[in-house]
Amino acid sequence: MKKTLFSLTIFAAFLIGFSACNPNAILHKPNQLLMINTMETPSAASGVFNIPVKTIDGVSTNLEAYKGKKIIILNVASECGYTPQYAKWQAFYEANKDKAVVLGFPANNFGGQEPGTNADVKTFCTKNYGVTFPMFEKVSVKGTDKSALYQWLTDPKQNGWNSQEPSWNFCKYLVNEKGELTEFFASAVEPSSDQFMKAFNK
């Protein structure tokens, strides 16, 4: 019995010494696998807050400031049949600014209906519709030059589920307080529509 116990002790010491000298030893693999499995990976939600954007005045920023609020992202245009929605989204913003924010991203992708400069857009939407919700520089919302934000909004690998690009001006994406994309709405959907309000009040 003592001989057997002595042999087992020697064998155990050998294994410990071998594994200490050999980082690829089998005894280390469970620890290595545990390390890999417990590493944190970025979530689809955390990604949206870190995407770089520029305000309509050219200031570099991101969406971190809007964490904790619902975010409605619009691709806007000044010469579109849907342009009067500016007034409706401004009224919605004023009524809900404690829990939501509307973000306008001018884009010239559809019918060339946003041809002006950032300064032109700012003057137009302020003068004609009294827009005070945050406006950002002109971007592309589809195609090979799609902005980083719209890449996130339309790539399931980044946002978790959606591949729908804007089909025209004034499409809407709804992002919840945690930064998760929850809904896409076509141009005709307005803030007073049952479809939008049902999703917004979830």
N, C-alpha and C. Protein backbone atom coordinates (compact mmCIF):
# COMPACT_ATOMS: atom_id res chain seq x y z
N MET A 1 0.83 -1.20 0.00
CA MET A 1 0.00 0.00 0.00
C MET A 1 0.87 1.26 0.00
N LYS A 2 1.90 1.25 0.89
CA LYS A 2 2.80 2.39 0.95
C LYS A 2 3.54 2.57 -0.37
N LYS A 3 3.90 1.44 -1.00
CA LYS A 3 4.61 1.49 -2.27
C LYS A 3 3.74 2.11 -3.36
N THR A 4 2.48 1.72 -3.36
CA THR A 4 1.53 2.25 -4.35
C THR A 4 1.34 3.75 -4.15
N LEU A 5 1.19 4.17 -2.90
CA LEU A 5 1.00 5.58 -2.58
C LEU A 5 2.22 6.39 -2.98
N PHE A 6 3.41 5.82 -2.74
CA PHE A 6 4.66 6.49 -3.12
C PHE A 6 4.73 6.66 -4.63
N SER A 7 4.33 5.61 -5.37
CA SER A 7 4.37 5.66 -6.84
C SER A 7 3.42 6.73 -7.36
N LEU A 8 2.23 6.82 -6.77
CA LEU A 8 1.26 7.82 -7.22
C LEU A 8 1.76 9.24 -6.94
N THR A 9 2.44 9.41 -5.79
CA THR A 9 3.00 10.72 -5.44
C THR A 9 4.05 11.15 -6.45
N ILE A 10 4.94 10.20 -6.80
CA ILE A 10 5.99 10.47 -7.79
C ILE A 10 5.36 10.83 -9.13
N PHE A 11 4.32 10.10 -9.55
CA PHE A 11 3.66 10.32 -10.84
C PHE A 11 2.99 11.70 -10.88
N ALA A 12 2.37 12.06 -9.76
CA ALA A 12 1.70 13.37 -9.69
C ALA A 12 2.72 14.49 -9.78
N ALA A 13 3.84 14.33 -9.10
CA ALA A 13 4.90 15.34 -9.14
C ALA A 13 5.44 15.49 -10.55
N PHE A 14 5.57 14.35 -11.26
CA PHE A 14 6.05 14.38 -12.63
C PHE A 14 5.11 15.17 -13.52
N LEU A 15 3.80 14.93 -13.37
CA LEU A 15 2.81 15.63 -14.21
C LEU A 15 2.82 17.13 -13.95
N ILE A 16 2.93 17.51 -12.67
CA ILE A 16 2.96 18.93 -12.32
C ILE A 16 4.18 19.61 -12.91
N GLY A 17 5.34 18.95 -12.78
CA GLY A 17 6.57 19.50 -13.33
C GLY A 17 6.51 19.59 -14.84
N PHE A 18 5.93 18.57 -15.49
CA PHE A 18 5.84 18.55 -16.93
C PHE A 18 4.94 19.68 -17.44
N SER A 19 3.82 19.84 -16.76
CA SER A 19 2.88 20.87 -17.21
C SER A 19 3.44 22.26 -16.99
N ALA A 20 4.23 22.44 -15.93
CA ALA A 20 4.82 23.75 -15.66
C ALA A 20 5.83 24.13 -16.72
N CYS A 21 6.53 23.14 -17.25
CA CYS A 21 7.56 23.40 -18.26
C CYS A 21 6.97 23.46 -19.67
N ASN A 22 5.78 22.91 -19.87
CA ASN A 22 5.20 22.83 -21.20
C ASN A 22 3.86 23.57 -21.23
N PRO A 23 3.81 24.78 -21.77
CA PRO A 23 2.57 25.56 -21.77
C PRO A 23 1.46 24.94 -22.59
N ASN A 24 1.80 23.98 -23.46
CA ASN A 24 0.79 23.33 -24.29
C ASN A 24 0.32 22.01 -23.69
N ALA A 25 0.71 21.75 -22.47
CA ALA A 25 0.34 20.48 -21.83
C ALA A 25 -1.16 20.39 -21.66
N ILE A 26 -1.69 19.16 -21.63
CA ILE A 26 -3.13 18.92 -21.53
C ILE A 26 -3.71 19.55 -20.27
N LEU A 27 -2.96 19.54 -19.18
CA LEU A 27 -3.48 20.08 -17.93
C LEU A 27 -3.78 21.57 -18.03
N HIS A 28 -3.18 22.28 -18.99
CA HIS A 28 -3.42 23.71 -19.13
C HIS A 28 -4.62 24.01 -20.03
N LYS A 29 -5.03 23.07 -20.84
CA LYS A 29 -6.08 23.36 -21.82
C LYS A 29 -7.41 23.75 -21.20
N PRO A 30 -7.85 23.11 -20.14
CA PRO A 30 -9.12 23.56 -19.55
C PRO A 30 -9.07 25.03 -19.13
N ASN A 31 -7.92 25.46 -18.56
CA ASN A 31 -7.79 26.85 -18.16
C ASN A 31 -7.79 27.78 -19.36
N GLN A 32 -7.11 27.37 -20.43
CA GLN A 32 -7.07 28.18 -21.63
C GLN A 32 -8.46 28.32 -22.23
N LEU A 33 -9.20 27.23 -22.29
CA LEU A 33 -10.56 27.26 -22.84
C LEU A 33 -11.47 28.13 -21.99
N LEU A 34 -11.31 28.08 -20.68
CA LEU A 34 -12.12 28.88 -19.78
C LEU A 34 -11.87 30.36 -20.02
N MET A 35 -10.60 30.71 -20.26
CA MET A 35 -10.25 32.08 -20.52
C MET A 35 -10.93 32.59 -21.79
N ILE A 36 -10.91 31.79 -22.84
CA ILE A 36 -11.51 32.16 -24.11
C ILE A 36 -13.02 32.31 -23.98
N ASN A 37 -13.66 31.37 -23.28
CA ASN A 37 -15.12 31.37 -23.17
C ASN A 37 -15.66 32.51 -22.32
N THR A 38 -14.85 33.04 -21.42
CA THR A 38 -15.33 34.09 -20.53
C THR A 38 -14.92 35.48 -21.01
N MET A 39 -14.24 35.57 -22.13
CA MET A 39 -13.89 36.88 -22.67
C MET A 39 -15.15 37.60 -23.14
N GLU A 40 -15.26 38.90 -22.86
CA GLU A 40 -16.43 39.65 -23.27
C GLU A 40 -16.28 40.10 -24.71
N THR A 41 -17.37 40.04 -25.47
CA THR A 41 -17.39 40.52 -26.84
C THR A 41 -18.38 41.67 -26.94
N PRO A 42 -18.11 42.66 -27.82
CA PRO A 42 -19.01 43.81 -27.93
C PRO A 42 -20.39 43.38 -28.38
N SER A 43 -21.44 43.96 -27.82
CA SER A 43 -22.80 43.63 -28.21
C SER A 43 -23.27 44.55 -29.32
N ALA A 44 -24.35 44.14 -30.02
CA ALA A 44 -24.93 44.98 -31.07
C ALA A 44 -25.36 46.31 -30.49
N ALA A 45 -25.86 46.28 -29.25
CA ALA A 45 -26.35 47.49 -28.62
C ALA A 45 -25.23 48.49 -28.34
N SER A 46 -24.13 48.01 -27.76
CA SER A 46 -23.06 48.92 -27.38
C SER A 46 -22.44 49.59 -28.59
N GLY A 47 -22.55 48.93 -29.76
CA GLY A 47 -21.93 49.45 -30.98
C GLY A 47 -22.49 50.79 -31.43
N VAL A 48 -23.80 50.99 -31.34
CA VAL A 48 -24.40 52.21 -31.90
C VAL A 48 -23.94 53.46 -31.19
N PHE A 49 -23.69 53.38 -29.89
CA PHE A 49 -23.30 54.57 -29.14
C PHE A 49 -21.88 55.03 -29.47
N ASN A 50 -21.08 54.14 -30.03
CA ASN A 50 -19.68 54.47 -30.31
C ASN A 50 -19.43 54.88 -31.76
N ILE A 51 -20.45 54.86 -32.59
CA ILE A 51 -20.27 55.19 -34.01
C ILE A 51 -19.98 56.68 -34.17
N PRO A 52 -18.90 57.04 -34.85
CA PRO A 52 -18.59 58.46 -35.02
C PRO A 52 -19.56 59.13 -36.01
N VAL A 53 -20.04 60.30 -35.64
CA VAL A 53 -20.89 61.12 -36.51
C VAL A 53 -20.44 62.56 -36.37
N LYS A 54 -20.94 63.42 -37.26
CA LYS A 54 -20.65 64.85 -37.17
C LYS A 54 -21.96 65.63 -37.16
N THR A 55 -22.02 66.61 -36.28
CA THR A 55 -23.20 67.47 -36.26
C THR A 55 -23.27 68.27 -37.56
N ILE A 56 -24.40 68.92 -37.79
CA ILE A 56 -24.56 69.70 -39.01
C ILE A 56 -23.59 70.88 -39.05
N ASP A 57 -23.02 71.22 -37.89
CA ASP A 57 -22.01 72.29 -37.82
C ASP A 57 -20.59 71.74 -37.93
N GLY A 58 -20.46 70.42 -38.17
CA GLY A 58 -19.14 69.84 -38.40
C GLY A 58 -18.39 69.39 -37.16
N VAL A 59 -19.08 69.30 -36.03
CA VAL A 59 -18.43 68.87 -34.79
C VAL A 59 -18.47 67.35 -34.69
N SER A 60 -17.31 66.73 -34.48
CA SER A 60 -17.24 65.27 -34.35
C SER A 60 -17.80 64.83 -33.00
N THR A 61 -18.64 63.80 -33.02
CA THR A 61 -19.25 63.30 -31.79
C THR A 61 -19.70 61.86 -32.01
N ASN A 62 -20.52 61.34 -31.10
CA ASN A 62 -21.15 60.02 -31.26
C ASN A 62 -22.52 60.08 -30.58
N LEU A 63 -23.18 58.94 -30.44
CA LEU A 63 -24.54 58.93 -29.89
C LEU A 63 -24.58 58.61 -28.39
N GLU A 64 -23.44 58.62 -27.75
CA GLU A 64 -23.34 58.28 -26.32
C GLU A 64 -24.25 59.16 -25.47
N ALA A 65 -24.40 60.41 -25.85
CA ALA A 65 -25.19 61.35 -25.06
C ALA A 65 -26.67 60.96 -24.99
N TYR A 66 -27.11 60.10 -25.92
CA TYR A 66 -28.53 59.74 -25.97
C TYR A 66 -28.83 58.39 -25.32
N LYS A 67 -27.84 57.80 -24.71
CA LYS A 67 -28.06 56.55 -23.99
C LYS A 67 -29.07 56.78 -22.87
N GLY A 68 -30.03 55.87 -22.75
CA GLY A 68 -31.07 56.02 -21.75
C GLY A 68 -32.35 56.62 -22.30
N LYS A 69 -32.32 57.04 -23.58
CA LYS A 69 -33.51 57.56 -24.25
C LYS A 69 -33.79 56.72 -25.50
N LYS A 70 -35.04 56.72 -25.93
CA LYS A 70 -35.36 56.14 -27.23
C LYS A 70 -34.85 57.10 -28.31
N ILE A 71 -34.32 56.53 -29.39
CA ILE A 71 -33.74 57.34 -30.46
C ILE A 71 -34.49 57.04 -31.76
N ILE A 72 -34.98 58.11 -32.41
CA ILE A 72 -35.62 57.97 -33.72
C ILE A 72 -34.68 58.60 -34.73
N ILE A 73 -34.20 57.81 -35.67
CA ILE A 73 -33.24 58.27 -36.66
C ILE A 73 -33.95 58.42 -38.01
N LEU A 74 -33.88 59.64 -38.57
CA LEU A 74 -34.54 59.94 -39.84
C LEU A 74 -33.52 60.29 -40.90
N ASN A 75 -33.70 59.82 -42.14
CA ASN A 75 -32.94 60.36 -43.27
C ASN A 75 -33.82 61.40 -43.94
N VAL A 76 -33.43 62.67 -43.80
CA VAL A 76 -34.29 63.79 -44.20
C VAL A 76 -33.85 64.41 -45.51
N ALA A 77 -34.78 65.16 -46.14
CA ALA A 77 -34.49 65.85 -47.39
C ALA A 77 -35.38 67.10 -47.47
N SER A 78 -34.88 68.13 -48.13
CA SER A 78 -35.57 69.43 -48.15
C SER A 78 -36.56 69.59 -49.30
N GLU A 79 -36.48 68.74 -50.33
CA GLU A 79 -37.31 68.92 -51.52
C GLU A 79 -38.15 67.68 -51.80
N CYS A 80 -38.66 67.07 -50.76
CA CYS A 80 -39.39 65.81 -50.87
C CYS A 80 -40.86 66.02 -50.50
N GLY A 81 -41.71 65.17 -51.02
CA GLY A 81 -43.12 65.22 -50.64
C GLY A 81 -43.33 64.96 -49.16
N TYR A 82 -42.35 64.29 -48.53
CA TYR A 82 -42.45 63.99 -47.10
C TYR A 82 -41.79 65.06 -46.23
N THR A 83 -41.23 66.10 -46.83
CA THR A 83 -40.52 67.13 -46.08
C THR A 83 -41.38 67.78 -44.98
N PRO A 84 -42.69 67.98 -45.18
CA PRO A 84 -43.51 68.55 -44.09
C PRO A 84 -43.50 67.71 -42.80
N GLN A 85 -43.01 66.48 -42.88
CA GLN A 85 -42.89 65.69 -41.65
C GLN A 85 -41.93 66.34 -40.65
N TYR A 86 -41.07 67.22 -41.12
CA TYR A 86 -40.20 67.95 -40.19
C TYR A 86 -41.02 68.53 -39.03
N ALA A 87 -42.14 69.17 -39.37
CA ALA A 87 -42.96 69.82 -38.35
C ALA A 87 -43.54 68.80 -37.37
N LYS A 88 -43.95 67.66 -37.88
CA LYS A 88 -44.57 66.63 -37.03
C LYS A 88 -43.53 65.99 -36.11
N TRP A 89 -42.33 65.76 -36.63
CA TRP A 89 -41.29 65.18 -35.78
C TRP A 89 -40.75 66.19 -34.79
N GLN A 90 -40.78 67.48 -35.15
CA GLN A 90 -40.40 68.52 -34.19
C GLN A 90 -41.40 68.57 -33.04
N ALA A 91 -42.70 68.49 -33.36
CA ALA A 91 -43.72 68.50 -32.31
C ALA A 91 -43.60 67.27 -31.42
N PHE A 92 -43.31 66.12 -32.03
CA PHE A 92 -43.11 64.89 -31.25
C PHE A 92 -41.92 65.04 -30.32
N TYR A 93 -40.83 65.59 -30.83
CA TYR A 93 -39.61 65.79 -30.04
C TYR A 93 -39.89 66.69 -28.84
N GLU A 94 -40.60 67.79 -29.07
CA GLU A 94 -40.89 68.72 -27.99
C GLU A 94 -41.76 68.08 -26.91
N ALA A 95 -42.66 67.20 -27.34
CA ALA A 95 -43.58 66.56 -26.39
C ALA A 95 -42.94 65.40 -25.63
N ASN A 96 -41.84 64.86 -26.15
CA ASN A 96 -41.26 63.64 -25.58
C ASN A 96 -39.77 63.74 -25.27
N LYS A 97 -39.23 64.94 -25.24
CA LYS A 97 -37.77 65.08 -25.13
C LYS A 97 -37.21 64.57 -23.81
N ASP A 98 -38.07 64.34 -22.81
CA ASP A 98 -37.60 63.78 -21.55
C ASP A 98 -37.25 62.30 -21.67
N LYS A 99 -37.82 61.63 -22.68
CA LYS A 99 -37.58 60.19 -22.83
C LYS A 99 -37.17 59.76 -24.23
N ALA A 100 -37.12 60.71 -25.16
CA ALA A 100 -36.79 60.36 -26.55
C ALA A 100 -36.07 61.51 -27.24
N VAL A 101 -35.35 61.16 -28.31
CA VAL A 101 -34.69 62.18 -29.12
C VAL A 101 -34.88 61.81 -30.59
N VAL A 102 -35.04 62.81 -31.42
CA VAL A 102 -35.14 62.64 -32.87
C VAL A 102 -33.83 63.13 -33.47
N LEU A 103 -33.24 62.35 -34.34
CA LEU A 103 -31.98 62.73 -34.98
C LEU A 103 -32.17 62.77 -36.49
N GLY A 104 -31.84 63.91 -37.10
CA GLY A 104 -32.02 64.07 -38.54
C GLY A 104 -30.70 63.96 -39.30
N PHE A 105 -30.69 63.10 -40.30
CA PHE A 105 -29.50 62.90 -41.14
C PHE A 105 -29.86 63.22 -42.59
N PRO A 106 -29.52 64.42 -43.07
CA PRO A 106 -29.81 64.77 -44.46
C PRO A 106 -29.10 63.83 -45.41
N ALA A 107 -29.80 63.45 -46.48
CA ALA A 107 -29.21 62.53 -47.47
C ALA A 107 -29.75 62.88 -48.86
N ASN A 108 -28.89 62.75 -49.85
CA ASN A 108 -29.26 63.09 -51.23
C ASN A 108 -29.42 61.84 -52.10
N ASN A 109 -29.69 60.70 -51.45
CA ASN A 109 -29.74 59.43 -52.16
C ASN A 109 -30.98 59.24 -53.03
N PHE A 110 -32.05 59.97 -52.74
CA PHE A 110 -33.32 59.70 -53.41
C PHE A 110 -33.79 60.93 -54.19
N GLY A 111 -33.73 60.82 -55.50
CA GLY A 111 -34.24 61.89 -56.37
C GLY A 111 -33.46 63.18 -56.30
N GLY A 112 -32.25 63.15 -55.73
CA GLY A 112 -31.47 64.38 -55.60
C GLY A 112 -32.22 65.46 -54.84
N GLN A 113 -32.98 65.05 -53.81
CA GLN A 113 -33.88 65.98 -53.12
C GLN A 113 -33.26 66.66 -51.90
N GLU A 114 -31.96 66.46 -51.71
CA GLU A 114 -31.21 67.21 -50.68
C GLU A 114 -29.92 67.71 -51.31
N PRO A 115 -30.02 68.68 -52.24
CA PRO A 115 -28.83 69.10 -53.00
C PRO A 115 -27.95 70.11 -52.29
N GLY A 116 -28.47 70.77 -51.25
CA GLY A 116 -27.74 71.88 -50.63
C GLY A 116 -26.60 71.45 -49.72
N THR A 117 -25.91 72.43 -49.19
CA THR A 117 -24.83 72.19 -48.23
C THR A 117 -25.43 71.97 -46.85
N ASN A 118 -24.59 71.60 -45.91
CA ASN A 118 -25.05 71.45 -44.53
C ASN A 118 -25.63 72.77 -44.01
N ALA A 119 -25.01 73.88 -44.36
CA ALA A 119 -25.50 75.18 -43.93
C ALA A 119 -26.87 75.47 -44.54
N ASP A 120 -27.05 75.09 -45.81
CA ASP A 120 -28.34 75.28 -46.47
C ASP A 120 -29.43 74.48 -45.75
N VAL A 121 -29.11 73.23 -45.44
CA VAL A 121 -30.08 72.35 -44.77
C VAL A 121 -30.45 72.93 -43.40
N LYS A 122 -29.47 73.36 -42.64
CA LYS A 122 -29.72 73.91 -41.31
C LYS A 122 -30.64 75.13 -41.39
N THR A 123 -30.36 76.03 -42.32
CA THR A 123 -31.18 77.22 -42.49
C THR A 123 -32.60 76.85 -42.91
N PHE A 124 -32.72 75.91 -43.85
CA PHE A 124 -34.02 75.52 -44.37
C PHE A 124 -34.90 74.92 -43.27
N CYS A 125 -34.39 73.93 -42.54
CA CYS A 125 -35.25 73.23 -41.57
C CYS A 125 -35.54 74.10 -40.35
N THR A 126 -34.64 75.02 -40.01
CA THR A 126 -34.88 75.93 -38.89
C THR A 126 -35.88 77.01 -39.27
N LYS A 127 -35.69 77.61 -40.44
CA LYS A 127 -36.54 78.71 -40.88
C LYS A 127 -37.96 78.25 -41.20
N ASN A 128 -38.10 77.11 -41.86
CA ASN A 128 -39.41 76.67 -42.34
C ASN A 128 -40.18 75.80 -41.35
N TYR A 129 -39.45 75.07 -40.49
CA TYR A 129 -40.14 74.12 -39.60
C TYR A 129 -39.75 74.26 -38.13
N GLY A 130 -38.90 75.23 -37.82
CA GLY A 130 -38.53 75.47 -36.43
C GLY A 130 -37.84 74.29 -35.77
N VAL A 131 -37.06 73.56 -36.54
CA VAL A 131 -36.41 72.34 -36.03
C VAL A 131 -35.38 72.67 -34.96
N THR A 132 -35.53 72.02 -33.81
CA THR A 132 -34.53 72.15 -32.74
C THR A 132 -33.94 70.79 -32.36
N PHE A 133 -34.52 69.69 -32.90
CA PHE A 133 -33.91 68.39 -32.59
C PHE A 133 -32.57 68.29 -33.30
N PRO A 134 -31.64 67.46 -32.79
CA PRO A 134 -30.29 67.40 -33.34
C PRO A 134 -30.25 67.03 -34.82
N MET A 135 -29.52 67.83 -35.58
CA MET A 135 -29.31 67.58 -37.01
C MET A 135 -27.82 67.29 -37.24
N PHE A 136 -27.56 66.44 -38.21
CA PHE A 136 -26.20 66.01 -38.48
C PHE A 136 -25.82 66.30 -39.94
N GLU A 137 -24.53 66.16 -40.24
CA GLU A 137 -24.07 66.48 -41.58
C GLU A 137 -24.68 65.52 -42.60
N LYS A 138 -24.67 65.94 -43.87
CA LYS A 138 -25.20 65.10 -44.94
C LYS A 138 -24.42 63.79 -45.01
N VAL A 139 -25.15 62.70 -45.20
CA VAL A 139 -24.53 61.38 -45.30
C VAL A 139 -25.16 60.63 -46.47
N SER A 140 -24.57 59.51 -46.80
CA SER A 140 -25.19 58.57 -47.73
C SER A 140 -25.80 57.45 -46.89
N VAL A 141 -27.03 57.07 -47.22
CA VAL A 141 -27.72 56.05 -46.42
C VAL A 141 -27.83 54.71 -47.14
N LYS A 142 -27.26 54.63 -48.33
CA LYS A 142 -27.24 53.37 -49.07
C LYS A 142 -26.11 53.40 -50.08
N GLY A 143 -25.77 52.22 -50.61
CA GLY A 143 -24.70 52.15 -51.60
C GLY A 143 -23.33 51.95 -51.00
N THR A 144 -22.33 52.05 -51.85
CA THR A 144 -20.95 51.75 -51.43
C THR A 144 -20.38 52.82 -50.49
N ASP A 145 -20.97 54.01 -50.51
CA ASP A 145 -20.46 55.08 -49.63
C ASP A 145 -21.37 55.29 -48.42
N LYS A 146 -22.12 54.30 -48.06
CA LYS A 146 -23.03 54.37 -46.92
C LYS A 146 -22.26 54.74 -45.65
N SER A 147 -22.81 55.64 -44.87
CA SER A 147 -22.15 56.09 -43.64
C SER A 147 -22.06 54.96 -42.62
N ALA A 148 -21.17 55.12 -41.65
CA ALA A 148 -20.97 54.08 -40.63
C ALA A 148 -22.25 53.82 -39.84
N LEU A 149 -23.00 54.88 -39.54
CA LEU A 149 -24.25 54.70 -38.79
C LEU A 149 -25.25 53.88 -39.58
N TYR A 150 -25.40 54.20 -40.86
CA TYR A 150 -26.37 53.46 -41.67
C TYR A 150 -25.87 52.06 -42.02
N GLN A 151 -24.57 51.85 -41.99
CA GLN A 151 -24.06 50.47 -42.09
C GLN A 151 -24.54 49.66 -40.90
N TRP A 152 -24.44 50.26 -39.70
CA TRP A 152 -24.89 49.57 -38.49
C TRP A 152 -26.39 49.31 -38.54
N LEU A 153 -27.15 50.30 -38.97
CA LEU A 153 -28.61 50.17 -39.00
C LEU A 153 -29.10 49.12 -39.98
N THR A 154 -28.32 48.83 -41.01
CA THR A 154 -28.79 47.95 -42.09
C THR A 154 -28.01 46.64 -42.22
N ASP A 155 -27.14 46.36 -41.29
CA ASP A 155 -26.35 45.13 -41.33
C ASP A 155 -26.71 44.25 -40.14
N PRO A 156 -27.38 43.10 -40.37
CA PRO A 156 -27.77 42.22 -39.27
C PRO A 156 -26.60 41.77 -38.40
N LYS A 157 -25.41 41.69 -38.97
CA LYS A 157 -24.26 41.27 -38.19
C LYS A 157 -23.88 42.33 -37.16
N GLN A 158 -24.25 43.57 -37.44
CA GLN A 158 -23.92 44.65 -36.51
C GLN A 158 -25.08 44.99 -35.57
N ASN A 159 -26.31 45.05 -36.11
CA ASN A 159 -27.44 45.46 -35.28
C ASN A 159 -28.24 44.30 -34.71
N GLY A 160 -27.96 43.08 -35.16
CA GLY A 160 -28.60 41.91 -34.59
C GLY A 160 -29.72 41.28 -35.40
N TRP A 161 -30.35 42.07 -36.33
CA TRP A 161 -31.49 41.47 -37.05
C TRP A 161 -31.89 42.16 -38.36
N ASN A 162 -31.66 43.45 -38.51
CA ASN A 162 -32.26 44.19 -39.63
C ASN A 162 -31.33 44.38 -40.82
N SER A 163 -31.87 44.19 -42.03
CA SER A 163 -31.11 44.44 -43.26
C SER A 163 -31.80 45.48 -44.14
N GLN A 164 -32.92 46.02 -43.67
CA GLN A 164 -33.71 46.96 -44.47
C GLN A 164 -33.05 48.33 -44.56
N GLU A 165 -32.71 48.73 -45.80
CA GLU A 165 -32.19 50.08 -46.04
C GLU A 165 -33.36 51.05 -46.21
N PRO A 166 -33.11 52.35 -46.05
CA PRO A 166 -34.16 53.31 -46.39
C PRO A 166 -34.60 53.12 -47.84
N SER A 167 -35.91 53.17 -48.06
CA SER A 167 -36.46 53.01 -49.40
C SER A 167 -36.73 54.36 -50.05
N TRP A 168 -36.75 55.42 -49.23
CA TRP A 168 -36.93 56.80 -49.71
C TRP A 168 -36.60 57.71 -48.54
N ASN A 169 -36.77 59.01 -48.74
CA ASN A 169 -36.53 59.97 -47.67
C ASN A 169 -37.52 59.78 -46.52
N PHE A 170 -37.11 60.16 -45.34
CA PHE A 170 -37.91 60.11 -44.12
C PHE A 170 -38.31 58.70 -43.69
N CYS A 171 -37.44 57.73 -43.93
CA CYS A 171 -37.60 56.43 -43.27
C CYS A 171 -37.12 56.59 -41.83
N LYS A 172 -37.59 55.70 -40.96
CA LYS A 172 -37.28 55.83 -39.54
C LYS A 172 -36.74 54.54 -38.96
N TYR A 173 -35.75 54.67 -38.09
CA TYR A 173 -35.24 53.55 -37.30
C TYR A 173 -35.45 53.92 -35.83
N LEU A 174 -35.99 52.97 -35.08
CA LEU A 174 -36.21 53.19 -33.65
C LEU A 174 -35.21 52.36 -32.86
N VAL A 175 -34.46 53.05 -32.00
CA VAL A 175 -33.46 52.42 -31.15
C VAL A 175 -33.90 52.62 -29.71
N ASN A 176 -33.85 51.57 -28.90
CA ASN A 176 -34.34 51.71 -27.52
C ASN A 176 -33.28 52.30 -26.59
N GLU A 177 -33.64 52.42 -25.33
CA GLU A 177 -32.77 53.06 -24.34
C GLU A 177 -31.43 52.37 -24.16
N LYS A 178 -31.38 51.08 -24.48
CA LYS A 178 -30.14 50.32 -24.33
C LYS A 178 -29.28 50.34 -25.58
N GLY A 179 -29.78 50.97 -26.64
CA GLY A 179 -29.03 51.02 -27.89
C GLY A 179 -29.35 49.87 -28.83
N GLU A 180 -30.47 49.19 -28.58
CA GLU A 180 -30.87 48.07 -29.44
C GLU A 180 -31.83 48.56 -30.52
N LEU A 181 -31.56 48.21 -31.76
CA LEU A 181 -32.46 48.55 -32.85
C LEU A 181 -33.72 47.69 -32.72
N THR A 182 -34.88 48.33 -32.67
CA THR A 182 -36.12 47.59 -32.44
C THR A 182 -37.09 47.62 -33.61
N GLU A 183 -37.08 48.70 -34.42
CA GLU A 183 -38.07 48.82 -35.49
C GLU A 183 -37.51 49.60 -36.68
N PHE A 184 -38.07 49.31 -37.85
CA PHE A 184 -37.86 50.11 -39.05
C PHE A 184 -39.22 50.55 -39.56
N PHE A 185 -39.34 51.82 -39.97
CA PHE A 185 -40.59 52.33 -40.51
C PHE A 185 -40.35 53.02 -41.85
N ALA A 186 -41.26 52.82 -42.78
CA ALA A 186 -41.16 53.43 -44.10
C ALA A 186 -41.50 54.92 -44.03
N SER A 187 -41.33 55.61 -45.14
CA SER A 187 -41.46 57.07 -45.20
C SER A 187 -42.81 57.59 -44.72
N ALA A 188 -43.89 56.90 -45.08
CA ALA A 188 -45.24 57.41 -44.81
C ALA A 188 -45.63 57.34 -43.34
N VAL A 189 -44.89 56.58 -42.54
CA VAL A 189 -45.24 56.43 -41.12
C VAL A 189 -44.88 57.71 -40.37
N GLU A 190 -45.87 58.28 -39.69
CA GLU A 190 -45.69 59.52 -38.95
C GLU A 190 -45.74 59.25 -37.44
N PRO A 191 -45.30 60.22 -36.63
CA PRO A 191 -45.27 59.97 -35.19
C PRO A 191 -46.63 59.69 -34.56
N SER A 192 -47.69 60.15 -35.20
CA SER A 192 -49.04 59.93 -34.66
C SER A 192 -49.65 58.60 -35.09
N SER A 193 -48.98 57.87 -35.98
CA SER A 193 -49.55 56.62 -36.50
C SER A 193 -49.59 55.55 -35.41
N ASP A 194 -50.60 54.71 -35.47
CA ASP A 194 -50.75 53.63 -34.49
C ASP A 194 -49.53 52.71 -34.51
N GLN A 195 -49.02 52.45 -35.73
CA GLN A 195 -47.88 51.56 -35.89
C GLN A 195 -46.67 52.08 -35.12
N PHE A 196 -46.40 53.37 -35.28
CA PHE A 196 -45.23 53.95 -34.59
C PHE A 196 -45.47 54.02 -33.08
N MET A 197 -46.63 54.52 -32.67
CA MET A 197 -46.88 54.72 -31.25
C MET A 197 -46.89 53.39 -30.48
N LYS A 198 -47.37 52.34 -31.11
CA LYS A 198 -47.36 51.03 -30.46
C LYS A 198 -45.93 50.59 -30.19
N ALA A 199 -45.05 50.76 -31.18
CA ALA A 199 -43.65 50.38 -31.01
C ALA A 199 -42.94 51.31 -30.02
N PHE A 200 -43.25 52.59 -30.08
CA PHE A 200 -42.59 53.57 -29.21
C PHE A 200 -42.94 53.34 -27.74
N ASN A 201 -44.16 52.93 -27.48
CA ASN A 201 -44.62 52.77 -26.10
C ASN A 201 -44.35 51.39 -25.51
N LYS A 202 -43.69 50.53 -26.22
CA LYS A 202 -43.36 49.21 -25.69
C LYS A 202 -42.44 49.35 -24.47
